Protein backbone atom coordinates (compact mmCIF):
# COMPACT_ATOMS: atom_id res chain seq x y z
CA MET A 1 0.00 0.00 0.00
CA TRP A 2 1.63 3.21 -1.17
CA ARG A 3 1.45 6.35 0.97
CA LYS A 4 2.61 9.91 0.36
CA GLN A 5 5.02 9.68 3.29
CA ASP A 6 6.61 6.56 1.82
CA LEU A 7 7.22 8.21 -1.55
CA LEU A 8 8.75 11.33 0.01
CA ARG A 9 10.82 9.37 2.54
CA SER A 10 12.24 7.19 -0.21
CA PHE A 11 12.98 10.24 -2.36
CA PHE A 12 14.81 12.10 0.43
CA HIS A 13 16.78 8.95 1.25
CA ASN A 14 17.91 8.51 -2.34
CA HIS A 15 18.85 12.20 -2.75
CA TRP A 16 20.03 13.06 0.75
CA LYS A 17 23.29 14.65 -0.42
CA VAL A 18 21.52 17.20 -2.61
CA VAL A 19 18.98 17.82 0.17
CA ALA A 20 21.75 18.44 2.72
CA VAL A 21 23.65 20.84 0.43
CA THR A 22 20.40 22.68 -0.40
CA PHE A 23 19.46 23.19 3.25
CA LEU A 24 23.02 24.28 4.13
CA ALA A 25 22.96 26.81 1.28
CA SER A 26 19.52 27.95 2.47
CA LEU A 27 20.81 28.49 6.01
CA LEU A 28 23.86 30.44 4.83
CA ALA A 29 21.71 32.52 2.47
CA GLY A 30 19.42 33.29 5.42
CA VAL A 31 22.35 34.41 7.56
CA ALA A 32 23.54 36.68 4.74
CA THR A 33 20.01 38.04 4.30
CA ILE A 34 19.86 38.96 7.99
CA ALA A 35 23.40 40.40 7.98
CA ILE A 36 22.70 42.83 5.14
CA PRO A 37 20.16 45.01 7.05
CA VAL A 38 22.51 45.01 10.05
CA ALA A 39 25.34 46.16 7.76
CA ILE A 40 23.10 48.93 6.40
CA GLY A 41 22.50 50.05 9.99
CA LYS A 42 26.25 50.11 10.52
CA TYR A 43 26.62 52.23 7.40
CA TYR A 44 24.01 54.62 8.81
CA ASP A 45 26.14 54.97 11.93
CA PHE A 46 29.27 55.61 9.85
CA LEU A 47 27.48 58.23 7.80
CA PHE A 48 26.11 60.25 10.72
CA GLY A 49 28.80 59.52 13.26
CA PHE A 50 26.64 57.41 15.58
CA HIS A 51 27.84 54.46 17.59
CA SER A 52 24.90 52.08 17.66
CA GLN A 53 25.21 49.23 20.12
CA ARG A 54 22.97 47.14 17.92
CA ALA A 55 25.20 47.56 14.89
CA ARG A 56 28.00 46.03 16.91
CA LEU A 57 26.41 42.70 15.97
CA LEU A 58 28.68 42.83 12.94
CA GLU A 59 31.67 42.52 15.20
CA TYR A 60 30.77 38.86 15.57
CA LEU A 61 31.48 38.41 11.86
CA PRO A 62 35.07 37.89 10.68
CA GLY A 63 37.05 40.98 9.68
CA ASN A 64 37.40 44.57 10.82
CA TRP A 65 34.19 46.58 10.30
CA ASN A 66 35.33 49.77 12.07
CA ASP A 67 36.54 51.81 9.06
CA MET A 68 34.59 52.70 5.94
CA PRO A 69 36.89 51.18 3.23
CA THR A 70 37.00 47.83 5.03
CA PHE A 71 33.26 48.00 5.65
CA LEU A 72 32.54 48.58 1.96
CA VAL A 73 34.74 45.67 0.88
CA LEU A 74 33.11 43.36 3.38
CA PHE A 75 29.64 44.60 2.42
CA PHE A 76 30.29 43.81 -1.25
CA ALA A 77 31.57 40.38 -0.20
CA LEU A 78 28.43 39.85 1.88
CA VAL A 79 26.19 40.67 -1.09
CA ILE A 80 28.17 38.35 -3.37
CA LEU A 81 28.00 35.53 -0.82
CA LYS A 82 24.25 35.99 -0.44
CA THR A 83 23.89 35.80 -4.24
CA LEU A 84 25.97 32.62 -4.43
CA PHE A 85 24.19 30.94 -1.53
CA SER A 86 20.78 31.94 -2.93
CA PHE A 87 21.74 30.49 -6.32
CA ALA A 88 22.90 27.25 -4.68
CA GLU A 89 19.64 27.03 -2.72
CA LYS A 90 17.38 27.72 -5.70
CA TYR A 91 19.38 25.48 -8.03
CA GLY A 92 19.38 22.64 -5.51
CA THR A 93 15.65 23.06 -4.95
CA GLY A 94 15.01 23.02 -8.70
CA VAL A 95 17.17 19.93 -9.22
CA LEU A 96 15.34 18.09 -6.43
CA GLY A 97 12.01 19.04 -7.99
CA GLU A 98 13.07 17.72 -11.38
CA HIS A 99 14.36 14.47 -9.86
CA LEU A 100 11.08 13.98 -7.96
CA VAL A 101 9.06 14.41 -11.14
CA TYR A 102 11.41 12.10 -13.03
CA ASP A 103 11.12 9.35 -10.39
CA LEU A 104 7.34 9.67 -10.07
CA ARG A 105 6.80 9.90 -13.82
CA ASN A 106 8.60 6.59 -14.33
CA GLN A 107 6.70 4.90 -11.48
CA LEU A 108 3.41 6.35 -12.68
CA PHE A 109 3.75 5.08 -16.24
CA TRP A 110 4.84 1.63 -15.05
CA HIS A 111 1.85 1.35 -12.73
CA GLN A 112 -0.55 2.72 -15.35
CA LEU A 113 0.56 -0.16 -17.56
CA LYS A 114 -0.35 -2.51 -14.72
CA ILE A 115 -3.78 -1.31 -13.60
CA PRO A 116 -6.80 -3.32 -14.82
CA VAL A 117 -7.78 -2.71 -18.42
CA SER A 118 -11.38 -2.21 -17.30
CA ASP A 119 -10.36 1.05 -15.63
CA TYR A 120 -9.52 2.60 -18.99
CA GLU A 121 -12.64 1.19 -20.61
CA GLU A 122 -14.95 2.47 -17.87
CA ARG A 123 -13.31 5.82 -17.14
CA GLY A 124 -11.49 6.63 -20.36
CA ALA A 125 -7.78 7.25 -20.80
CA GLY A 126 -8.23 11.04 -20.57
CA ARG A 127 -8.59 10.93 -16.80
CA TYR A 128 -5.11 9.45 -16.56
CA LEU A 129 -3.39 11.96 -18.86
CA LEU A 130 -3.65 14.72 -16.26
CA ARG A 131 -1.42 12.72 -13.94
CA PHE A 132 1.51 13.45 -16.28
CA SER A 133 0.96 17.20 -16.51
CA GLY A 134 -0.98 19.09 -13.86
CA ASP A 135 -0.63 16.52 -11.09
CA LEU A 136 3.12 16.04 -11.43
CA LYS A 137 3.58 19.81 -11.54
CA SER A 138 1.53 20.20 -8.36
CA ILE A 139 3.58 17.49 -6.65
CA GLN A 140 6.78 19.18 -7.78
CA ASN A 141 5.52 22.43 -6.25
CA TYR A 142 4.57 20.51 -3.11
CA LEU A 143 8.24 19.59 -2.69
CA THR A 144 9.96 22.77 -3.90
CA ARG A 145 7.57 25.46 -2.68
CA GLY A 146 5.65 23.53 -0.05
CA ILE A 147 8.44 21.70 1.79
CA LEU A 148 11.90 22.95 0.83
CA ARG A 149 11.05 26.63 0.56
CA PHE A 150 8.77 26.50 3.59
CA VAL A 151 11.56 25.02 5.72
CA SER A 152 14.02 27.55 4.28
CA ASP A 153 11.64 30.43 4.99
CA GLY A 154 11.01 29.07 8.47
CA LEU A 155 14.73 29.05 9.25
CA LEU A 156 15.06 32.59 7.94
CA LEU A 157 12.12 33.78 10.04
CA LEU A 158 13.57 32.24 13.19
CA LEU A 159 16.86 34.04 12.57
CA ALA A 160 15.08 37.29 11.75
CA PHE A 161 12.79 37.26 14.78
CA GLY A 162 15.75 36.45 16.98
CA LEU A 163 17.41 39.60 15.64
CA LEU A 164 14.21 41.67 15.98
CA LEU A 165 13.87 40.64 19.60
CA ALA A 166 17.55 41.44 20.13
CA LEU A 167 17.10 44.89 18.58
CA ASP A 168 14.08 45.68 20.75
CA LEU A 169 12.00 43.24 22.76
CA GLN A 170 8.91 45.45 22.78
CA LEU A 171 8.84 46.03 19.01
CA GLY A 172 9.62 42.37 18.36
CA LEU A 173 6.70 41.16 20.49
CA LEU A 174 4.40 43.74 18.87
CA THR A 175 5.36 42.39 15.44
CA LEU A 176 4.60 38.83 16.47
CA ALA A 177 1.23 39.85 17.87
CA GLY A 178 0.37 41.73 14.68
CA LEU A 179 0.91 38.57 12.61
CA LEU A 180 -1.89 36.71 14.38
CA LEU A 181 -4.58 38.56 12.37
CA PRO A 182 -3.44 37.53 8.85
CA ILE A 183 -2.54 34.04 10.04
CA GLY A 184 -6.03 33.46 11.50
CA ALA A 185 -7.82 34.96 8.49
CA VAL A 186 -5.80 32.93 5.98
CA TRP A 187 -6.38 29.74 7.98
CA LEU A 188 -10.16 30.21 7.77
CA LEU A 189 -10.02 31.05 4.06
CA ASN A 190 -7.82 28.07 3.30
CA ARG A 191 -10.50 25.70 4.59
CA ARG A 192 -12.91 27.02 1.96
CA LEU A 193 -10.14 27.12 -0.63
CA ALA A 194 -9.52 23.40 -0.18
CA ARG A 195 -13.09 22.58 -1.26
CA ALA A 196 -12.92 24.99 -4.19
CA THR A 197 -9.61 23.51 -5.31
CA ARG A 198 -10.92 19.96 -5.36
CA ARG A 199 -14.03 20.98 -7.25
CA GLN A 200 -12.00 22.80 -9.89
CA ARG A 201 -9.52 19.95 -10.37
CA ASN A 202 -12.27 17.33 -10.69
CA ARG A 203 -14.13 19.33 -13.30
CA LYS A 204 -10.97 20.00 -15.27
CA SER A 205 -10.18 16.29 -15.23
CA GLY A 206 -13.69 15.47 -16.46
CA LEU A 207 -13.40 17.99 -19.29
CA LEU A 208 -10.07 16.52 -20.36
CA ASP A 209 -11.59 13.04 -20.41
CA PHE A 210 -14.54 14.28 -22.52
CA THR A 211 -12.17 16.00 -24.96
CA ASN A 212 -9.97 12.93 -25.28
CA MET A 213 -12.91 10.62 -26.04
CA ARG A 214 -14.42 13.00 -28.61
CA LEU A 215 -11.13 13.48 -30.44
CA ARG A 216 -10.68 9.71 -30.57
CA ALA A 217 -14.12 9.57 -32.23
CA ILE A 218 -13.36 12.41 -34.65
CA HIS A 219 -14.24 10.31 -37.72
CA THR A 220 -17.70 9.55 -36.35
CA ILE A 221 -18.32 13.20 -35.42
CA ARG A 222 -17.27 14.50 -38.82
CA PHE A 223 -19.04 11.81 -40.83
CA PHE A 224 -22.40 12.35 -39.10
CA ASN A 225 -21.97 16.16 -38.90
CA LYS A 226 -22.19 16.18 -35.12
CA GLU A 227 -19.84 19.14 -34.54
CA VAL A 228 -22.61 21.44 -33.25
CA PRO A 229 -24.13 19.10 -30.60
CA GLU A 230 -20.69 17.99 -29.45
CA GLN A 231 -19.61 21.63 -29.15
CA ALA A 232 -22.73 22.30 -27.06
CA LYS A 233 -21.88 19.41 -24.74
CA PHE A 234 -18.32 20.68 -24.45
CA GLU A 235 -19.50 24.19 -23.59
CA GLN A 236 -21.81 22.86 -20.87
CA ARG A 237 -18.87 21.14 -19.22
CA ALA A 238 -16.60 24.12 -19.85
CA GLU A 239 -19.11 26.38 -18.09
CA LYS A 240 -18.89 24.19 -14.99
CA VAL A 241 -15.10 24.43 -15.15
CA LEU A 242 -15.42 28.21 -15.53
CA SER A 243 -17.76 28.47 -12.54
CA ALA A 244 -15.43 26.37 -10.38
CA GLY A 245 -12.44 28.38 -11.61
CA ILE A 246 -14.08 31.71 -10.75
CA THR A 247 -14.85 30.50 -7.24
CA TYR A 248 -11.27 29.28 -6.87
CA GLN A 249 -9.81 32.55 -8.17
CA ARG A 250 -12.01 34.56 -5.81
CA MET A 251 -10.64 32.65 -2.83
CA VAL A 252 -7.04 32.83 -4.05
CA GLY A 253 -7.36 36.53 -4.87
CA LEU A 254 -8.77 37.27 -1.43
CA ILE A 255 -5.90 35.46 0.25
CA GLN A 256 -3.30 37.10 -1.98
CA ALA A 257 -4.74 40.56 -1.27
CA LEU A 258 -5.32 39.99 2.44
CA VAL A 259 -1.80 38.75 3.22
CA PRO A 260 0.24 41.74 1.93
CA GLY A 261 -2.44 44.17 3.03
CA SER A 262 -2.34 42.88 6.59
CA LEU A 263 1.45 42.89 6.64
CA TYR A 264 1.71 46.45 5.38
CA LEU A 265 -0.88 47.48 7.96
CA LEU A 266 1.36 45.89 10.54
CA LEU A 267 4.28 47.91 9.23
CA ALA A 268 2.20 51.11 9.35
CA GLY A 269 1.23 50.31 12.92
CA LEU A 270 4.88 49.85 13.87
CA PHE A 271 5.77 53.16 12.23
CA THR A 272 3.05 54.85 14.27
CA PHE A 273 4.18 53.18 17.47
CA VAL A 274 7.83 54.16 16.95
CA TYR A 275 6.94 57.76 16.10
CA TYR A 276 4.60 58.43 19.02
CA ARG A 277 6.07 56.08 21.61
CA ARG A 278 9.67 55.65 20.63
CA PRO A 279 11.17 53.02 22.92
CA SER A 280 14.01 54.23 25.09
CA GLY A 281 17.49 53.19 24.02
CA VAL A 282 16.52 52.61 20.37
CA ASP A 283 18.78 54.66 18.10
CA GLY A 284 18.28 55.57 14.46
CA GLY A 285 20.55 52.83 13.16
CA SER A 286 18.64 50.17 15.05
CA ILE A 287 15.29 51.47 13.79
CA LEU A 288 16.64 51.46 10.24
CA ILE A 289 17.79 47.85 10.68
CA PHE A 290 14.38 46.95 12.09
CA VAL A 291 12.47 48.56 9.19
CA ILE A 292 14.70 47.13 6.44
CA LEU A 293 14.62 43.69 8.01
CA LEU A 294 10.85 43.79 8.30
CA MET A 295 10.53 44.87 4.66
CA THR A 296 12.83 41.99 3.72
CA LEU A 297 10.61 39.57 5.60
CA LEU A 298 7.33 40.72 4.01
CA PRO A 299 7.60 38.50 0.89
CA ILE A 300 8.61 35.61 3.13
CA PHE A 301 5.50 36.12 5.26
CA ARG A 302 3.41 36.16 2.09
CA ARG A 303 4.91 32.91 0.83
CA MET A 304 4.41 31.14 4.15
CA LEU A 305 0.80 32.29 4.51
CA ARG A 306 -0.01 31.27 0.93
CA VAL A 307 1.77 27.93 1.09
CA ASN A 308 -1.46 26.15 2.01
CA VAL A 309 -2.63 26.62 -1.60
CA VAL A 310 0.47 24.74 -2.76
CA TRP A 311 -0.03 22.04 -0.13
CA GLU A 312 -3.68 21.55 -0.97
CA LEU A 313 -3.03 21.18 -4.70
CA GLY A 314 -0.17 18.80 -3.89
CA ARG A 315 -2.32 16.71 -1.57
CA ILE A 316 -5.02 16.36 -4.22
CA SER A 317 -2.46 15.35 -6.84
CA PHE A 318 -0.81 12.89 -4.45
CA GLU A 319 -4.22 11.27 -3.82
CA LYS A 320 -4.78 10.80 -7.56
CA LEU A 321 -1.25 9.47 -8.04
CA LEU A 322 -1.59 7.05 -5.11
CA ASN A 323 -4.90 5.81 -6.53
CA VAL A 324 -3.02 4.70 -9.64
CA LEU A 325 -0.10 3.18 -7.72
CA ASN A 326 -2.35 1.26 -5.33
CA ARG A 327 -4.81 0.24 -8.05
CA ALA A 328 -1.98 -1.62 -9.75
CA GLU A 329 -1.04 -3.63 -6.67
CA VAL A 330 -3.32 -6.52 -7.70
CA GLU A 331 -1.52 -6.85 -11.01
CA LEU A 332 1.87 -6.56 -9.35
CA ALA A 333 1.13 -9.18 -6.70
CA ASP A 334 3.74 -11.90 -6.34
CA LEU A 335 1.84 -14.84 -7.83
CA PRO A 336 3.29 -18.13 -9.13
CA ARG A 337 3.99 -18.55 -12.82
CA ILE A 338 1.71 -20.71 -14.93
CA ARG A 339 3.24 -23.84 -16.47
CA LEU A 340 1.68 -25.10 -19.69
CA GLU A 341 2.20 -28.51 -21.26
CA HIS A 342 -0.83 -29.07 -23.48
CA GLY A 343 -3.06 -25.98 -23.56
CA LEU A 344 -6.34 -27.52 -22.37
CA ILE A 345 -8.81 -24.71 -21.47
CA GLU A 346 -11.76 -25.33 -19.12
CA VAL A 347 -14.33 -22.68 -18.23
CA GLU A 348 -16.43 -23.66 -15.20
CA GLU A 349 -19.51 -21.82 -13.91
CA LEU A 350 -18.09 -18.53 -15.14
CA SER A 351 -19.98 -15.32 -14.32
CA PHE A 352 -18.90 -11.81 -15.25
CA ASN A 353 -20.47 -8.38 -14.88
CA TYR A 354 -19.33 -5.32 -16.79
CA GLY A 355 -20.45 -2.51 -14.55
CA LYS A 356 -24.13 -3.20 -13.94
CA THR A 357 -24.47 -5.34 -17.09
CA GLN A 358 -24.27 -9.10 -16.71
CA VAL A 359 -22.31 -10.60 -19.61
CA PHE A 360 -21.99 -14.23 -18.46
CA ASP A 361 -23.93 -16.24 -15.94
CA ARG A 362 -22.43 -19.65 -15.05
CA LEU A 363 -20.84 -20.27 -18.45
CA ASN A 364 -19.17 -23.67 -19.10
CA LEU A 365 -16.77 -24.37 -21.96
CA HIS A 366 -14.32 -27.12 -22.81
CA ILE A 367 -11.61 -26.20 -25.34
CA PRO A 368 -9.38 -29.20 -26.15
CA ALA A 369 -5.63 -28.78 -26.48
CA LYS A 370 -3.69 -28.70 -29.75
CA GLY A 371 -6.35 -28.15 -32.36
CA VAL A 372 -8.61 -25.52 -33.86
CA THR A 373 -11.69 -24.56 -31.85
CA VAL A 374 -14.24 -22.18 -33.34
CA ILE A 375 -16.53 -20.14 -31.10
CA GLN A 376 -19.20 -18.53 -33.21
CA SER A 377 -21.91 -16.13 -32.01
CA PRO A 378 -23.51 -12.82 -32.93
CA ALA A 379 -21.71 -9.52 -32.49
CA GLY A 380 -22.09 -8.03 -29.02
CA SER A 381 -22.63 -11.39 -27.34
CA GLY A 382 -19.42 -11.36 -25.31
CA LYS A 383 -16.66 -12.85 -27.47
CA THR A 384 -14.24 -9.96 -26.84
CA THR A 385 -15.01 -10.14 -23.12
CA LEU A 386 -14.25 -13.86 -23.11
CA ILE A 387 -10.93 -13.21 -24.85
CA LYS A 388 -9.99 -10.72 -22.13
CA LEU A 389 -11.05 -13.19 -19.44
CA LEU A 390 -8.96 -15.97 -21.02
CA SER A 391 -5.91 -13.71 -21.19
CA GLY A 392 -6.28 -12.48 -17.60
CA LEU A 393 -7.09 -8.86 -18.51
CA TYR A 394 -10.48 -9.29 -16.78
CA ARG A 395 -11.15 -11.26 -13.63
CA PRO A 396 -14.33 -13.36 -13.31
CA SER A 397 -17.05 -12.30 -10.89
CA ALA A 398 -17.54 -15.99 -10.07
CA GLY A 399 -16.44 -19.36 -11.37
CA SER A 400 -13.04 -20.17 -12.81
CA ILE A 401 -10.95 -20.53 -15.94
CA ARG A 402 -8.38 -23.33 -15.87
CA ILE A 403 -5.57 -23.96 -18.31
CA ASP A 404 -3.97 -27.36 -17.87
CA GLY A 405 -5.72 -27.56 -14.52
CA GLN A 406 -4.35 -24.24 -13.21
CA ASP A 407 -6.76 -21.48 -12.15
CA ILE A 408 -5.53 -18.45 -14.08
CA SER A 409 -6.77 -16.03 -11.37
CA LYS A 410 -4.17 -17.56 -9.04
CA VAL A 411 -1.17 -17.25 -11.33
CA SER A 412 0.82 -14.29 -12.58
CA GLY A 413 -1.03 -12.48 -15.36
CA LYS A 414 2.30 -11.67 -16.98
CA SER A 415 3.33 -15.32 -17.14
CA LEU A 416 -0.13 -16.24 -18.47
CA ARG A 417 0.14 -13.78 -21.36
CA LYS A 418 3.63 -15.06 -22.16
CA ASN A 419 1.83 -18.21 -23.29
CA ILE A 420 -1.07 -16.59 -25.20
CA ALA A 421 -0.91 -14.76 -28.54
CA LEU A 422 -3.83 -12.76 -29.89
CA VAL A 423 -4.78 -11.51 -33.34
CA SER A 424 -7.36 -8.78 -32.84
CA SER A 425 -8.20 -5.22 -33.84
CA GLU A 426 -8.17 -4.54 -30.09
CA LEU A 427 -4.36 -4.82 -30.21
CA PRO A 428 -2.99 -2.03 -32.43
CA LEU A 429 0.52 -2.16 -33.84
CA LEU A 430 3.29 -0.57 -31.78
CA GLY A 431 6.60 0.58 -33.21
CA ASN A 432 8.07 2.98 -35.74
CA ASN A 433 8.40 0.49 -38.57
CA VAL A 434 7.23 -2.94 -39.69
CA PHE A 435 10.09 -4.78 -37.97
CA GLU A 436 9.45 -3.17 -34.58
CA ALA A 437 5.69 -3.69 -34.95
CA ILE A 438 5.93 -7.46 -35.48
CA SER A 439 8.93 -8.26 -33.31
CA TYR A 440 8.95 -5.67 -30.48
CA SER A 441 12.70 -5.61 -31.04
CA ARG A 442 15.51 -3.71 -32.71
CA LYS A 443 18.05 -6.52 -32.45
CA ALA A 444 19.70 -7.52 -35.71
CA ASP A 445 19.38 -11.26 -35.06
CA LYS A 446 15.58 -10.91 -35.01
CA ARG A 447 15.42 -9.52 -38.52
CA PRO A 448 16.04 -12.70 -40.64
CA PRO A 449 13.09 -14.72 -39.25
CA ALA A 450 10.87 -11.64 -39.39
CA ARG A 451 11.86 -11.03 -43.03
CA LEU A 452 11.23 -14.66 -44.04
CA LEU A 453 7.82 -14.79 -42.36
CA LEU A 454 6.75 -11.45 -43.82
CA ALA A 455 7.80 -12.56 -47.32
CA HIS A 456 5.91 -15.85 -46.92
CA LEU A 457 2.67 -14.18 -45.80
CA GLN A 458 2.83 -11.46 -48.45
CA LYS A 459 3.51 -14.02 -51.20
CA HIS A 460 0.12 -15.55 -50.53
CA ASN A 461 -1.65 -12.20 -50.15
CA PRO A 462 -0.72 -10.47 -53.44
CA ASP A 463 -3.70 -8.12 -53.24
CA LEU A 464 -2.04 -6.19 -50.39
CA PRO A 465 0.64 -3.55 -51.12
CA PRO A 466 4.02 -5.13 -50.23
CA LEU A 467 5.82 -4.02 -47.09
CA LYS A 468 9.46 -4.10 -46.06
CA LEU A 469 10.82 -4.34 -42.52
CA ASP A 470 11.95 -0.71 -42.45
CA ASP A 471 8.70 0.75 -43.83
CA PRO A 472 7.05 3.15 -41.32
CA VAL A 473 3.68 2.04 -39.96
CA GLY A 474 2.51 5.35 -38.50
CA ASP A 475 0.94 5.94 -35.12
CA LEU A 476 -0.61 2.59 -34.08
CA GLY A 477 -0.51 1.44 -37.73
CA SER A 478 -2.35 4.49 -39.06
CA ARG A 479 -0.41 4.49 -42.36
CA LEU A 480 -1.47 0.95 -43.25
CA SER A 481 -4.60 -0.49 -44.78
CA LYS A 482 -6.89 -2.72 -42.77
CA GLY A 483 -5.60 -5.78 -44.62
CA GLN A 484 -1.96 -4.85 -43.99
CA VAL A 485 -2.67 -4.38 -40.28
CA LYS A 486 -4.32 -7.83 -40.18
CA LEU A 487 -1.37 -9.46 -41.96
CA LEU A 488 1.16 -7.84 -39.59
CA SER A 489 -0.97 -8.87 -36.62
CA TYR A 490 -0.72 -12.48 -37.80
CA ALA A 491 3.03 -12.08 -38.28
CA ARG A 492 3.40 -10.66 -34.75
CA ALA A 493 1.42 -13.52 -33.21
CA ILE A 494 3.27 -16.24 -35.16
CA LEU A 495 6.70 -14.83 -34.33
CA THR A 496 5.97 -15.00 -30.59
CA ASP A 497 5.56 -18.80 -30.94
CA LYS A 498 3.22 -19.11 -27.93
CA ASN A 499 1.29 -22.18 -26.82
CA ILE A 500 -2.19 -20.70 -27.22
CA LEU A 501 -3.35 -18.58 -30.16
CA LEU A 502 -6.60 -16.59 -29.96
CA LEU A 503 -8.04 -15.03 -33.11
CA ASP A 504 -10.82 -12.46 -33.07
CA GLU A 505 -12.59 -12.25 -36.47
CA PRO A 506 -9.60 -13.94 -38.17
CA PHE A 507 -10.50 -13.17 -41.79
CA GLU A 508 -11.87 -9.63 -41.40
CA GLY A 509 -10.07 -7.20 -43.73
CA LEU A 510 -8.54 -9.97 -45.85
CA ASP A 511 -9.27 -10.81 -49.49
CA PRO A 512 -11.75 -13.73 -49.54
CA SER A 513 -9.58 -15.50 -52.12
CA THR A 514 -6.76 -15.76 -49.53
CA ILE A 515 -8.88 -17.41 -46.83
CA PRO A 516 -7.84 -20.99 -47.86
CA PHE A 517 -4.21 -19.98 -47.28
CA TRP A 518 -4.97 -18.66 -43.79
CA ILE A 519 -6.99 -21.76 -42.92
CA GLU A 520 -4.01 -23.89 -43.96
CA GLN A 521 -1.73 -21.76 -41.76
CA LEU A 522 -4.03 -22.16 -38.74
CA HIS A 523 -4.17 -25.93 -39.15
CA ALA A 524 -0.38 -26.02 -39.40
CA LEU A 525 -0.09 -24.00 -36.19
CA ALA A 526 -2.66 -26.21 -34.46
CA ARG A 527 -0.41 -29.28 -34.70
CA ASP A 528 1.32 -28.18 -31.51
CA LYS A 529 -0.77 -25.21 -30.34
CA THR A 530 -4.26 -24.57 -29.05
CA VAL A 531 -5.92 -22.32 -31.63
CA VAL A 532 -9.25 -20.67 -30.69
CA VAL A 533 -11.16 -18.72 -33.35
CA PHE A 534 -13.86 -16.21 -32.34
CA SER A 535 -16.22 -15.12 -35.08
CA SER A 536 -19.57 -13.42 -35.47
CA LYS A 537 -19.91 -14.80 -39.02
CA LEU A 538 -20.36 -18.32 -40.30
CA VAL A 539 -16.82 -19.59 -40.70
CA ASP A 540 -15.50 -21.53 -43.64
CA GLN A 541 -16.29 -25.27 -43.37
CA ARG A 542 -12.66 -26.10 -44.06
CA LEU A 543 -11.59 -24.49 -40.80
CA ALA A 544 -13.38 -27.10 -38.71
CA GLY A 545 -13.95 -30.71 -39.67
CA ARG A 546 -17.08 -31.07 -37.56
CA ARG A 547 -19.44 -28.70 -35.83
CA LEU A 548 -20.91 -29.17 -32.38
CA ASP A 549 -23.83 -27.48 -30.64
CA LEU A 550 -22.74 -26.48 -27.16
CA LYS A 551 -25.10 -24.84 -24.71
CA GLY A 552 -23.32 -22.67 -22.15
CA GLN A 553 -25.87 -22.98 -19.35
CA ASN A 554 -26.67 -20.02 -17.19
CA GLY A 555 -28.71 -19.96 -13.98
CA LYS A 556 -31.99 -20.24 -15.89
CA GLY A 557 -30.87 -23.13 -18.07
CA GLU A 558 -30.70 -20.91 -21.17
CA SER A 559 -27.94 -20.50 -23.70
CA SER A 560 -25.35 -17.97 -22.50
CA PHE A 561 -23.85 -16.88 -25.79
CA VAL A 562 -22.06 -19.74 -27.54
CA ASN A 563 -24.17 -20.98 -30.42
CA LEU A 564 -21.68 -23.18 -32.26
CA ILE A 565 -18.33 -24.61 -31.41
CA ALA A 566 -16.28 -26.80 -33.71
CA HIS A 567 -13.07 -28.64 -32.96
CA LYS A 568 -10.68 -30.55 -35.15
C-alpha cells in the first residue's frame, strides 16, 4: 500500500546529499540576508557619526568593520556571498524538484501499464493523462515550494525574529502579535479554498476526459456532422469548469490581497508606534535595521501564509497518483507462474459483470488442447469479453478458468500472457516500422526470421501492397490499410511462438480469395498449439472438420452466448 510519506521518505533517502547541500545553502543565504540590514544600519552609523550598540552585531562576523573602506569591501563580499548561496539554494531546490518528477513519472507510467484494463474502458484514458501534466507539476511544487522553501523560509524567520527581539524586545513582540490577524484569516479562508480547489480539479479532469474521447471519435463526429451538438456538450462542461475556476480565483485573490495588506498594515502600525512612543534606548541605526529587516521579511511572510494553496493542490495530486499506484497492486502481486504442457482450457460456472451489465452467468466451456476450436456467435454477445477473461485482462465475478488444470486467477497475469498470442483489432501495432511492430525488437538477429515470415505471408496475399521491414507504420498502424494491419498482426502472433493462439474475427479485412491460405496456416499451427477462433460470421467449413452445438448454461438453463463450437 503506497502512501505519500513513503514516496517522500524514499525520495529524500535517495537524494540526501543534494537535500543536505540545499538546506546548508539555504541556512547560509538566510544568515547573509539577515546580515545585510545590520550592515546597512552600521553604514548609517558611519554616515552620521553614531555608535549604535545594535550595529555592533557585525563585530561577531570575521574581519574589521570599524573603518569605511574595510566595511565597503566586506559589504560587497556579503552581497556576493548571499547571491551565491541563494543560487545554490534555488538550483538545488530546482534539481530536487526535477528528480522527484522524473522518479514519479517513471513509477506512474509503469503502474498505469499494470492497472486493470477495465479502468480505462470504464473511465477513459483522458482521466489518466492529467497525472503526467498538472498533477506532477503540483507534486513538484509541493516539494519545492511547499516543503523545501517552507523550511528555508522558516529558518530565515527564526533568525530574523531572533534579531528583531535582540534589537528591541517590545517592538519584536508587537510584530509577532500583529501577525496573528493575517494568520487566523488565511487559515479560515484556506479551509474554503480546499473545497474549491478539489471541485476545480475534478471538473478540469472530467473535461479533459470528454475531450480525449471525442477526439478519438473524430471520424464519427465529422461523418455524421455532429460538430454542433458535441460543441454544445463541451461548452456545458466548460461552463462548470469556468464556474469552479471563478470560485477558486475569488478565494485565491482574497488570500493574496489579504496577506500583503495585513502585513503592510502591521508595518504602518509599527511606524506609528515608533513615532509616538519611541522606545528608550533605540537609536536611528537600530530602527533602520528593524524597518529594512521587516521589509525583507514581508515576501517571506506572504509565501508562508499562501503555502497552504500549494499544499492543498499537492495533496489532491498525491491522492490521484496514489490511486493509480495502489490500483496496480493486484496486477503486481507476487503470484506463481503458470506452467503449460498441453493448452487444455476449461471454463467452469463462469460469471462476469461489466459494470451493472451481466455478460456471463455460469458459463461452461471445454476447449481441447492442440487443435482448432471455433466459437461462433452474434456480435455483441461477449466474445471480446471472453478473450480478455482468457488472457487475464479481466477477472471473473464468479467461477473459474483453468488452463492445464491451473486457475488463471491464481497465477501471474504476466506469465499467463507469455503463453497466449492474440490476433485482434483490439491490439494495435506498436513501433516505428514494420520490424518493430511485429517483433517488439531492434536486435539484428531478429530480422532474418521476421523477413522470411513477412515474405511468406505477403507471397500468398498479393492483393495487399508489399511491405518491407523498415517501412514506417505510423501511429498505431495508421499508415497501413486494414488488410496490412491484419497481416502484420498475424506475423506478430506467429513470431511470438506461444502455446495458445486466440483469433478475433480472423478473416476480417482480408481478401476472400486468400482465406484458404490462412486456414491452412491455422491448421499447421494447431499441430502443436491450441488455436481458438472467435467469429460473429459463419466460418469456412474447411476451418473445422465437424461442428458441435454447445449450450453454455446459465442460472436459468438458457444458452449464455455460444451458439456453435467446432473442434478438429
